PDB file of N, CA and C in Angstrom:
ATOM      1  N   MET A   1      -0.711  -5.324  13.125  1.00  0.00           N
ATOM      2  CA  MET A   1      -1.030  -5.438  11.719  1.00  0.00           C
ATOM      3  C   MET A   1      -0.157  -4.464  10.933  1.00  0.00           C
ATOM      4  N   LYS A   2       0.301  -4.913   9.781  1.00  0.00           N
ATOM      5  CA  LYS A   2       1.060  -4.068   8.865  1.00  0.00           C
ATOM      6  C   LYS A   2       0.198  -3.786   7.644  1.00  0.00           C
ATOM      7  N   LEU A   3       0.175  -2.520   7.246  1.00  0.00           N
ATOM      8  CA  LEU A   3      -0.665  -2.069   6.144  1.00  0.00           C
ATOM      9  C   LEU A   3       0.212  -1.529   5.026  1.00  0.00           C
ATOM     10  N   SER A   4      -0.073  -1.955   3.810  1.00  0.00           N
ATOM     11  CA  SER A   4       0.673  -1.473   2.641  1.00  0.00           C
ATOM     12  C   SER A   4      -0.251  -0.764   1.672  1.00  0.00           C
ATOM     13  N   PHE A   5       0.231   0.344   1.148  1.00  0.00           N
ATOM     14  CA  PHE A   5      -0.453   1.070   0.091  1.00  0.00           C
ATOM     15  C   PHE A   5       0.346   0.899  -1.194  1.00  0.00           C
ATOM     16  N   ILE A   6      -0.328   0.450  -2.236  1.00  0.00           N
ATOM     17  CA  ILE A   6       0.256   0.444  -3.568  1.00  0.00           C
ATOM     18  C   ILE A   6      -0.333   1.665  -4.258  1.00  0.00           C
ATOM     19  N   GLY A   7       0.490   2.664  -4.462  1.00  0.00           N
ATOM     20  CA  GLY A   7       0.012   3.971  -4.895  1.00  0.00           C
ATOM     21  C   GLY A   7      -0.138   4.839  -3.652  1.00  0.00           C
ATOM     22  N   PHE A   8       0.453   6.016  -3.687  1.00  0.00           N
ATOM     23  CA  PHE A   8       0.394   6.867  -2.497  1.00  0.00           C
ATOM     24  C   PHE A   8       0.176   8.317  -2.896  1.00  0.00           C
ATOM     25  N   GLY A   9      -0.968   8.536  -3.550  1.00  0.00           N
ATOM     26  CA  GLY A   9      -1.366   9.889  -3.924  1.00  0.00           C
ATOM     27  C   GLY A   9      -2.116  10.550  -2.781  1.00  0.00           C
ATOM     28  N   ASN A  10      -2.940  11.514  -3.130  1.00  0.00           N
ATOM     29  CA  ASN A  10      -3.673  12.277  -2.116  1.00  0.00           C
ATOM     30  C   ASN A  10      -4.583  11.413  -1.254  1.00  0.00           C
ATOM     31  N   MET A  11      -5.314  10.509  -1.881  1.00  0.00           N
ATOM     32  CA  MET A  11      -6.256   9.671  -1.130  1.00  0.00           C
ATOM     33  C   MET A  11      -5.530   8.753  -0.157  1.00  0.00           C
ATOM     34  N   ALA A  12      -4.531   8.033  -0.643  1.00  0.00           N
ATOM     35  CA  ALA A  12      -3.801   7.104   0.225  1.00  0.00           C
ATOM     36  C   ALA A  12      -3.059   7.858   1.316  1.00  0.00           C
ATOM     37  N   GLY A  13      -2.485   9.007   0.976  1.00  0.00           N
ATOM     38  CA  GLY A  13      -1.796   9.822   1.974  1.00  0.00           C
ATOM     39  C   GLY A  13      -2.736  10.274   3.077  1.00  0.00           C
ATOM     40  N   ALA A  14      -3.940  10.683   2.704  1.00  0.00           N
ATOM     41  CA  ALA A  14      -4.928  11.112   3.696  1.00  0.00           C
ATOM     42  C   ALA A  14      -5.368   9.942   4.573  1.00  0.00           C
ATOM     43  N   MET A  15      -5.530   8.774   3.974  1.00  0.00           N
ATOM     44  CA  MET A  15      -5.902   7.591   4.759  1.00  0.00           C
ATOM     45  C   MET A  15      -4.813   7.255   5.772  1.00  0.00           C
ATOM     46  N   ALA A  16      -3.571   7.247   5.321  1.00  0.00           N
ATOM     47  CA  ALA A  16      -2.449   6.930   6.211  1.00  0.00           C
ATOM     48  C   ALA A  16      -2.344   7.963   7.329  1.00  0.00           C
ATOM     49  N   GLN A  17      -2.460   9.225   6.985  1.00  0.00           N
ATOM     50  CA  GLN A  17      -2.374  10.285   7.985  1.00  0.00           C
ATOM     51  C   GLN A  17      -3.472  10.142   9.032  1.00  0.00           C
ATOM     52  N   GLY A  18      -4.688   9.837   8.593  1.00  0.00           N
ATOM     53  CA  GLY A  18      -5.793   9.646   9.529  1.00  0.00           C
ATOM     54  C   GLY A  18      -5.564   8.457  10.450  1.00  0.00           C
ATOM     55  N   LEU A  19      -5.070   7.362   9.903  1.00  0.00           N
ATOM     56  CA  LEU A  19      -4.791   6.181  10.718  1.00  0.00           C
ATOM     57  C   LEU A  19      -3.759   6.481  11.796  1.00  0.00           C
ATOM     58  N   ILE A  20      -2.766   7.275  11.423  1.00  0.00           N
ATOM     59  CA  ILE A  20      -1.712   7.626  12.370  1.00  0.00           C
ATOM     60  C   ILE A  20      -2.224   8.627  13.409  1.00  0.00           C
ATOM     61  N   GLU A  21      -2.860   9.690  12.946  1.00  0.00           N
ATOM     62  CA  GLU A  21      -3.323  10.753  13.840  1.00  0.00           C
ATOM     63  C   GLU A  21      -4.349  10.268  14.853  1.00  0.00           C
ATOM     64  N   PHE A  22      -5.192   9.316  14.461  1.00  0.00           N
ATOM     65  CA  PHE A  22      -6.224   8.822  15.367  1.00  0.00           C
ATOM     66  C   PHE A  22      -5.793   7.550  16.092  1.00  0.00           C
ATOM     67  N   ASP A  23      -4.475   7.279  16.084  1.00  0.00           N
ATOM     68  CA  ASP A  23      -3.892   6.144  16.803  1.00  0.00           C
ATOM     69  C   ASP A  23      -4.514   4.803  16.436  1.00  0.00           C
ATOM     70  N   CYS A  24      -4.901   4.675  15.188  1.00  0.00           N
ATOM     71  CA  CYS A  24      -5.442   3.401  14.713  1.00  0.00           C
ATOM     72  C   CYS A  24      -4.316   2.434  14.336  1.00  0.00           C
ATOM     73  N   LEU A  25      -3.199   2.988  13.910  1.00  0.00           N
ATOM     74  CA  LEU A  25      -2.072   2.185  13.466  1.00  0.00           C
ATOM     75  C   LEU A  25      -0.806   3.021  13.615  1.00  0.00           C
ATOM     76  N   PRO A  26       0.239   2.449  14.195  1.00  0.00           N
ATOM     77  CA  PRO A  26       1.485   3.218  14.295  1.00  0.00           C
ATOM     78  C   PRO A  26       2.132   3.405  12.922  1.00  0.00           C
ATOM     79  N   ALA A  27       2.775   4.527  12.735  1.00  0.00           N
ATOM     80  CA  ALA A  27       3.393   4.847  11.452  1.00  0.00           C
ATOM     81  C   ALA A  27       4.392   3.782  11.006  1.00  0.00           C
ATOM     82  N   GLN A  28       5.104   3.195  11.944  1.00  0.00           N
ATOM     83  CA  GLN A  28       6.108   2.191  11.578  1.00  0.00           C
ATOM     84  C   GLN A  28       5.495   0.914  11.020  1.00  0.00           C
ATOM     85  N   ASN A  29       4.176   0.774  11.080  1.00  0.00           N
ATOM     86  CA  ASN A  29       3.484  -0.391  10.529  1.00  0.00           C
ATOM     87  C   ASN A  29       2.858  -0.104   9.166  1.00  0.00           C
ATOM     88  N   ILE A  30       3.183   1.036   8.583  1.00  0.00           N
ATOM     89  CA  ILE A  30       2.616   1.416   7.291  1.00  0.00           C
ATOM     90  C   ILE A  30       3.726   1.473   6.245  1.00  0.00           C
ATOM     91  N   TYR A  31       3.464   0.841   5.108  1.00  0.00           N
ATOM     92  CA  TYR A  31       4.396   0.768   3.983  1.00  0.00           C
ATOM     93  C   TYR A  31       3.700   1.330   2.755  1.00  0.00           C
ATOM     94  N   ALA A  32       4.474   1.917   1.849  1.00  0.00           N
ATOM     95  CA  ALA A  32       3.870   2.469   0.637  1.00  0.00           C
ATOM     96  C   ALA A  32       4.841   2.403  -0.528  1.00  0.00           C
ATOM     97  N   SER A  33       4.269   2.287  -1.709  1.00  0.00           N
ATOM     98  CA  SER A  33       5.038   2.405  -2.952  1.00  0.00           C
ATOM     99  C   SER A  33       4.282   3.367  -3.855  1.00  0.00           C
ATOM    100  N   ALA A  34       5.000   3.971  -4.769  1.00  0.00           N
ATOM    101  CA  ALA A  34       4.384   4.925  -5.695  1.00  0.00           C
ATOM    102  C   ALA A  34       5.228   5.009  -6.959  1.00  0.00           C
ATOM    103  N   ALA A  35       4.634   5.547  -7.993  1.00  0.00           N
ATOM    104  CA  ALA A  35       5.311   5.655  -9.277  1.00  0.00           C
ATOM    105  C   ALA A  35       6.545   6.560  -9.203  1.00  0.00           C
ATOM    106  N   HIS A  36       6.483   7.578  -8.360  1.00  0.00           N
ATOM    107  CA  HIS A  36       7.588   8.531  -8.235  1.00  0.00           C
ATOM    108  C   HIS A  36       8.186   8.408  -6.844  1.00  0.00           C
ATOM    109  N   PHE A  37       9.272   7.637  -6.754  1.00  0.00           N
ATOM    110  CA  PHE A  37       9.870   7.325  -5.450  1.00  0.00           C
ATOM    111  C   PHE A  37      10.364   8.575  -4.733  1.00  0.00           C
ATOM    112  N   ASP A  38      10.873   9.555  -5.455  1.00  0.00           N
ATOM    113  CA  ASP A  38      11.368  10.777  -4.812  1.00  0.00           C
ATOM    114  C   ASP A  38      10.249  11.512  -4.072  1.00  0.00           C
ATOM    115  N   LYS A  39       9.080  11.597  -4.667  1.00  0.00           N
ATOM    116  CA  LYS A  39       7.936  12.229  -4.002  1.00  0.00           C
ATOM    117  C   LYS A  39       7.464  11.385  -2.822  1.00  0.00           C
ATOM    118  N   LEU A  40       7.452  10.073  -3.016  1.00  0.00           N
ATOM    119  CA  LEU A  40       7.042   9.162  -1.947  1.00  0.00           C
ATOM    120  C   LEU A  40       7.960   9.303  -0.738  1.00  0.00           C
ATOM    121  N   GLU A  41       9.255   9.380  -0.963  1.00  0.00           N
ATOM    122  CA  GLU A  41      10.202   9.508   0.146  1.00  0.00           C
ATOM    123  C   GLU A  41       9.901  10.731   1.004  1.00  0.00           C
ATOM    124  N   LYS A  42       9.567  11.835   0.371  1.00  0.00           N
ATOM    125  CA  LYS A  42       9.246  13.062   1.109  1.00  0.00           C
ATOM    126  C   LYS A  42       7.979  12.892   1.938  1.00  0.00           C
ATOM    127  N   LYS A  43       6.932  12.333   1.330  1.00  0.00           N
ATOM    128  CA  LYS A  43       5.679  12.102   2.068  1.00  0.00           C
ATOM    129  C   LYS A  43       5.894  11.113   3.204  1.00  0.00           C
ATOM    130  N   ALA A  44       6.650  10.060   2.925  1.00  0.00           N
ATOM    131  CA  ALA A  44       6.906   9.028   3.929  1.00  0.00           C
ATOM    132  C   ALA A  44       7.681   9.602   5.107  1.00  0.00           C
ATOM    133  N   ALA A  45       8.658  10.437   4.831  1.00  0.00           N
ATOM    134  CA  ALA A  45       9.447  11.045   5.905  1.00  0.00           C
ATOM    135  C   ALA A  45       8.574  11.936   6.780  1.00  0.00           C
ATOM    136  N   THR A  46       7.659  12.662   6.163  1.00  0.00           N
ATOM    137  CA  THR A  46       6.751  13.535   6.911  1.00  0.00           C
ATOM    138  C   THR A  46       5.857  12.731   7.847  1.00  0.00           C
ATOM    139  N   LEU A  47       5.356  11.592   7.366  1.00  0.00           N
ATOM    140  CA  LEU A  47       4.441  10.772   8.160  1.00  0.00           C
ATOM    141  C   LEU A  47       5.153   9.754   9.051  1.00  0.00           C
ATOM    142  N   GLY A  48       6.389   9.443   8.734  1.00  0.00           N
ATOM    143  CA  GLY A  48       7.130   8.439   9.498  1.00  0.00           C
ATOM    144  C   GLY A  48       6.852   7.010   9.068  1.00  0.00           C
ATOM    145  N   ILE A  49       6.398   6.843   7.823  1.00  0.00           N
ATOM    146  CA  ILE A  49       6.096   5.510   7.306  1.00  0.00           C
ATOM    147  C   ILE A  49       7.266   5.000   6.463  1.00  0.00           C
ATOM    148  N   HIS A  50       7.181   3.759   6.028  1.00  0.00           N
ATOM    149  CA  HIS A  50       8.215   3.149   5.193  1.00  0.00           C
ATOM    150  C   HIS A  50       7.937   3.416   3.719  1.00  0.00           C
ATOM    151  N   ALA A  51       8.925   3.923   3.007  1.00  0.00           N
ATOM    152  CA  ALA A  51       8.827   4.107   1.553  1.00  0.00           C
ATOM    153  C   ALA A  51       9.481   2.905   0.882  1.00  0.00           C
ATOM    154  N   CYS A  52       8.725   2.205   0.072  1.00  0.00           N
ATOM    155  CA  CYS A  52       9.234   1.018  -0.635  1.00  0.00           C
ATOM    156  C   CYS A  52       9.545   1.395  -2.078  1.00  0.00           C
ATOM    157  N   GLN A  53      10.631   0.853  -2.595  1.00  0.00           N
ATOM    158  CA  GLN A  53      11.027   1.202  -3.956  1.00  0.00           C
ATOM    159  C   GLN A  53      10.199   0.506  -5.025  1.00  0.00           C
ATOM    160  N   THR A  54       9.577  -0.616  -4.679  1.00  0.00           N
ATOM    161  CA  THR A  54       8.754  -1.327  -5.670  1.00  0.00           C
ATOM    162  C   THR A  54       7.405  -1.699  -5.073  1.00  0.00           C
ATOM    163  N   ASN A  55       6.440  -1.920  -5.951  1.00  0.00           N
ATOM    164  CA  ASN A  55       5.127  -2.384  -5.508  1.00  0.00           C
ATOM    165  C   ASN A  55       5.230  -3.759  -4.859  1.00  0.00           C
ATOM    166  N   LEU A  56       6.077  -4.601  -5.408  1.00  0.00           N
ATOM    167  CA  LEU A  56       6.253  -5.944  -4.871  1.00  0.00           C
ATOM    168  C   LEU A  56       6.797  -5.892  -3.446  1.00  0.00           C
ATOM    169  N   GLU A  57       7.744  -5.019  -3.190  1.00  0.00           N
ATOM    170  CA  GLU A  57       8.293  -4.855  -1.844  1.00  0.00           C
ATOM    171  C   GLU A  57       7.204  -4.410  -0.869  1.00  0.00           C
ATOM    172  N   ALA A  58       6.388  -3.450  -1.273  1.00  0.00           N
ATOM    173  CA  ALA A  58       5.315  -2.964  -0.412  1.00  0.00           C
ATOM    174  C   ALA A  58       4.282  -4.060  -0.166  1.00  0.00           C
ATOM    175  N   ALA A  59       3.891  -4.767  -1.215  1.00  0.00           N
ATOM    176  CA  ALA A  59       2.888  -5.827  -1.077  1.00  0.00           C
ATOM    177  C   ALA A  59       3.363  -6.926  -0.138  1.00  0.00           C
ATOM    178  N   ALA A  60       4.633  -7.285  -0.236  1.00  0.00           N
ATOM    179  CA  ALA A  60       5.178  -8.347   0.607  1.00  0.00           C
ATOM    180  C   ALA A  60       5.260  -7.922   2.074  1.00  0.00           C
ATOM    181  N   ALA A  61       5.367  -6.626   2.323  1.00  0.00           N
ATOM    182  CA  ALA A  61       5.525  -6.127   3.697  1.00  0.00           C
ATOM    183  C   ALA A  61       4.219  -6.094   4.476  1.00  0.00           C
ATOM    184  N   GLY A  62       3.090  -5.981   3.789  1.00  0.00           N
ATOM    185  CA  GLY A  62       1.821  -5.763   4.481  1.00  0.00           C
ATOM    186  C   GLY A  62       1.003  -7.010   4.722  1.00  0.00           C
ATOM    187  N   ASP A  63       0.263  -6.991   5.834  1.00  0.00           N
ATOM    188  CA  ASP A  63      -0.746  -8.020   6.087  1.00  0.00           C
ATOM    189  C   ASP A  63      -2.008  -7.694   5.294  1.00  0.00           C
ATOM    190  N   VAL A  64      -2.254  -6.398   5.119  1.00  0.00           N
ATOM    191  CA  VAL A  64      -3.370  -5.897   4.314  1.00  0.00           C
ATOM    192  C   VAL A  64      -2.777  -4.981   3.264  1.00  0.00           C
ATOM    193  N   VAL A  65      -3.214  -5.144   2.029  1.00  0.00           N
ATOM    194  CA  VAL A  65      -2.709  -4.344   0.919  1.00  0.00           C
ATOM    195  C   VAL A  65      -3.853  -3.536   0.331  1.00  0.00           C
ATOM    196  N   ILE A  66      -3.682  -2.218   0.293  1.00  0.00           N
ATOM    197  CA  ILE A  66      -4.681  -1.334  -0.310  1.00  0.00           C
ATOM    198  C   ILE A  66      -4.149  -0.884  -1.664  1.00  0.00           C
ATOM    199  N   LEU A  67      -4.901  -1.188  -2.694  1.00  0.00           N
ATOM    200  CA  LEU A  67      -4.531  -0.778  -4.047  1.00  0.00           C
ATOM    201  C   LEU A  67      -5.146   0.597  -4.299  1.00  0.00           C
ATOM    202  N   ALA A  68      -4.332   1.617  -4.190  1.00  0.00           N
ATOM    203  CA  ALA A  68      -4.806   2.996  -4.317  1.00  0.00           C
ATOM    204  C   ALA A  68      -4.295   3.595  -5.619  1.00  0.00           C
ATOM    205  N   VAL A  69      -4.652   2.947  -6.707  1.00  0.00           N
ATOM    206  CA  VAL A  69      -4.248   3.392  -8.036  1.00  0.00           C
ATOM    207  C   VAL A  69      -5.497   3.626  -8.879  1.00  0.00           C
ATOM    208  N   LYS A  70      -5.304   4.302  -9.974  1.00  0.00           N
ATOM    209  CA  LYS A  70      -6.419   4.546 -10.899  1.00  0.00           C
ATOM    210  C   LYS A  70      -6.928   3.218 -11.456  1.00  0.00           C
ATOM    211  N   PRO A  71      -8.229   3.122 -11.714  1.00  0.00           N
ATOM    212  CA  PRO A  71      -8.797   1.852 -12.207  1.00  0.00           C
ATOM    213  C   PRO A  71      -8.099   1.289 -13.444  1.00  0.00           C
ATOM    214  N   TYR A  72      -7.670   2.138 -14.361  1.00  0.00           N
ATOM    215  CA  TYR A  72      -7.030   1.625 -15.575  1.00  0.00           C
ATOM    216  C   TYR A  72      -5.665   0.995 -15.287  1.00  0.00           C
ATOM    217  N   MET A  73      -5.081   1.264 -14.120  1.00  0.00           N
ATOM    218  CA  MET A  73      -3.781   0.708 -13.746  1.00  0.00           C
ATOM    219  C   MET A  73      -3.899  -0.588 -12.945  1.00  0.00           C
ATOM    220  N   MET A  74      -5.105  -0.924 -12.523  1.00  0.00           N
ATOM    221  CA  MET A  74      -5.318  -2.037 -11.598  1.00  0.00           C
ATOM    222  C   MET A  74      -4.761  -3.365 -12.119  1.00  0.00           C
ATOM    223  N   GLU A  75      -5.031  -3.706 -13.365  1.00  0.00           N
ATOM    224  CA  GLU A  75      -4.577  -4.989 -13.903  1.00  0.00           C
ATOM    225  C   GLU A  75      -3.048  -5.084 -13.920  1.00  0.00           C
ATOM    226  N   THR A  76      -2.414  -4.037 -14.377  1.00  0.00           N
ATOM    227  CA  THR A  76      -0.948  -4.023 -14.431  1.00  0.00           C
ATOM    228  C   THR A  76      -0.345  -4.130 -13.035  1.00  0.00           C
ATOM    229  N   VAL A  77      -0.897  -3.388 -12.098  1.00  0.00           N
ATOM    230  CA  VAL A  77      -0.381  -3.400 -10.725  1.00  0.00           C
ATOM    231  C   VAL A  77      -0.571  -4.771 -10.084  1.00  0.00           C
ATOM    232  N   THR A  78      -1.739  -5.360 -10.246  1.00  0.00           N
ATOM    233  CA  THR A  78      -1.977  -6.664  -9.613  1.00  0.00           C
ATOM    234  C   THR A  78      -1.096  -7.744 -10.221  1.00  0.00           C
ATOM    235  N   GLN A  79      -0.808  -7.666 -11.509  1.00  0.00           N
ATOM    236  CA  GLN A  79       0.103  -8.643 -12.123  1.00  0.00           C
ATOM    237  C   GLN A  79       1.495  -8.529 -11.519  1.00  0.00           C
ATOM    238  N   GLY A  80       1.909  -7.316 -11.206  1.00  0.00           N
ATOM    239  CA  GLY A  80       3.232  -7.098 -10.667  1.00  0.00           C
ATOM    240  C   GLY A  80       3.420  -7.521  -9.223  1.00  0.00           C
ATOM    241  N   ILE A  81       2.324  -7.634  -8.474  1.00  0.00           N
ATOM    242  CA  ILE A  81       2.436  -8.002  -7.049  1.00  0.00           C
ATOM    243  C   ILE A  81       1.891  -9.392  -6.754  1.00  0.00           C
ATOM    244  N   ARG A  82       1.402 -10.047  -7.764  1.00  0.00           N
ATOM    245  CA  ARG A  82       0.755 -11.348  -7.595  1.00  0.00           C
ATOM    246  C   ARG A  82       1.614 -12.344  -6.812  1.00  0.00           C
ATOM    247  N   SER A  83       2.910 -12.359  -7.051  1.00  0.00           N
ATOM    248  CA  SER A  83       3.770 -13.340  -6.383  1.00  0.00           C
ATOM    249  C   SER A  83       3.868 -13.110  -4.878  1.00  0.00           C
ATOM    250  N   ALA A  84       3.545 -11.902  -4.416  1.00  0.00           N
ATOM    251  CA  ALA A  84       3.597 -11.606  -2.980  1.00  0.00           C
ATOM    252  C   ALA A  84       2.289 -11.955  -2.277  1.00  0.00           C
ATOM    253  N   LEU A  85       1.281 -12.255  -3.047  1.00  0.00           N
ATOM    254  CA  LEU A  85      -0.037 -12.529  -2.483  1.00  0.00           C
ATOM    255  C   LEU A  85      -0.407 -13.986  -2.699  1.00  0.00           C
ATOM    256  N   VAL A  86      -1.332 -14.460  -1.898  1.00  0.00           N
ATOM    257  CA  VAL A  86      -1.788 -15.846  -1.984  1.00  0.00           C
ATOM    258  C   VAL A  86      -3.145 -15.862  -2.662  1.00  0.00           C
ATOM    259  N   HIS A  87      -3.294 -16.678  -3.703  1.00  0.00           N
ATOM    260  CA  HIS A  87      -4.569 -16.778  -4.396  1.00  0.00           C
ATOM    261  C   HIS A  87      -5.511 -17.657  -3.590  1.00  0.00           C
ATOM    262  N   CYS A  88      -6.700 -17.142  -3.319  1.00  0.00           N
ATOM    263  CA  CYS A  88      -7.647 -17.884  -2.481  1.00  0.00           C
ATOM    264  C   CYS A  88      -9.073 -17.511  -2.876  1.00  0.00           C
ATOM    265  N   GLY A  89      -9.778 -18.426  -3.480  1.00  0.00           N
ATOM    266  CA  GLY A  89     -11.192 -18.216  -3.776  1.00  0.00           C
ATOM    267  C   GLY A  89     -11.493 -17.022  -4.667  1.00  0.00           C
ATOM    268  N   GLY A  90     -10.663 -16.763  -5.653  1.00  0.00           N
ATOM    269  CA  GLY A  90     -10.962 -15.684  -6.591  1.00  0.00           C
ATOM    270  C   GLY A  90     -10.427 -14.331  -6.169  1.00  0.00           C
ATOM    271  N   ILE A  91      -9.840 -14.218  -4.987  1.00  0.00           N
ATOM    272  CA  ILE A  91      -9.226 -12.965  -4.562  1.00  0.00           C
ATOM    273  C   ILE A  91      -7.770 -13.243  -4.231  1.00  0.00           C
ATOM    274  N   TYR A  92      -6.970 -12.226  -4.286  1.00  0.00           N
ATOM    275  CA  TYR A  92      -5.575 -12.370  -3.907  1.00  0.00           C
ATOM    276  C   TYR A  92      -5.431 -11.804  -2.511  1.00  0.00           C
ATOM    277  N   ARG A  93      -4.834 -12.582  -1.639  1.00  0.00           N
ATOM    278  CA  ARG A  93      -4.737 -12.122  -0.268  1.00  0.00           C
ATOM    279  C   ARG A  93      -3.506 -12.675   0.402  1.00  0.00           C
ATOM    280  N   GLN A  94      -3.157 -12.046   1.501  1.00  0.00           N
ATOM    281  CA  GLN A  94      -2.150 -12.618   2.377  1.00  0.00           C
ATOM    282  C   GLN A  94      -2.954 -13.214   3.522  1.00  0.00           C
ATOM    283  N   GLU A  95      -3.053 -12.527   4.647  1.00  0.00           N
ATOM    284  CA  GLU A  95      -3.892 -13.043   5.730  1.00  0.00           C
ATOM    285  C   GLU A  95      -5.316 -12.541   5.621  1.00  0.00           C
ATOM    286  N   THR A  96      -5.492 -11.377   5.019  1.00  0.00           N
ATOM    287  CA  THR A  96      -6.817 -10.799   4.833  1.00  0.00           C
ATOM    288  C   THR A  96      -6.916 -10.294   3.405  1.00  0.00           C
ATOM    289  N   PRO A  97      -8.119 -10.157   2.869  1.00  0.00           N
ATOM    290  CA  PRO A  97      -8.256  -9.725   1.475  1.00  0.00           C
ATOM    291  C   PRO A  97      -7.691  -8.338   1.235  1.00  0.00           C
ATOM    292  N   ALA A  98      -7.151  -8.134   0.065  1.00  0.00           N
ATOM    293  CA  ALA A  98      -6.712  -6.809  -0.341  1.00  0.00           C
ATOM    294  C   ALA A  98      -7.933  -5.968  -0.673  1.00  0.00           C
ATOM    295  N   ALA A  99      -7.879  -4.700  -0.362  1.00  0.00           N
ATOM    296  CA  ALA A  99      -8.960  -3.787  -0.691  1.00  0.00           C
ATOM    297  C   ALA A  99      -8.497  -2.916  -1.842  1.00  0.00           C
ATOM    298  N   ALA A 100      -9.347  -2.695  -2.798  1.00  0.00           N
ATOM    299  CA  ALA A 100      -8.977  -1.863  -3.955  1.00  0.00           C
ATOM    300  C   ALA A 100      -9.752  -0.565  -3.930  1.00  0.00           C
ATOM    301  N   ALA A 101      -9.067   0.535  -4.123  1.00  0.00           N
ATOM    302  CA  ALA A 101      -9.706   1.839  -4.194  1.00  0.00           C
ATOM    303  C   ALA A 101      -9.060   2.604  -5.333  1.00  0.00           C
ATOM    304  N   GLY A 102      -9.702   3.603  -5.823  1.00  0.00           N
ATOM    305  CA  GLY A 102      -9.067   4.388  -6.874  1.00  0.00           C
ATOM    306  C   GLY A 102     -10.096   4.969  -7.751  1.00  0.00           C
TER     307      GLY A 102
END
């Protein structure tokens, strides 16, 4: 399974680190995008995950997409990644539903 984070602040970083440290998911299967790519690159290098330059790139890479952005940003972010996801029964998903946190 490939996991993508849209937004990679403290919460998403901690989730990714836990998944890696507890052998739940290999680092090479984790993708992330963030508003500040330079900061993301540093975090990604530390964890060994993929840093994506756009939200759309990250969304397209993952089987599961976690929206880890502030609630007020949710609508804008989902509009930007909609083309990478499949609309199904009121939710946007690829193979499994996207989970939203923030």
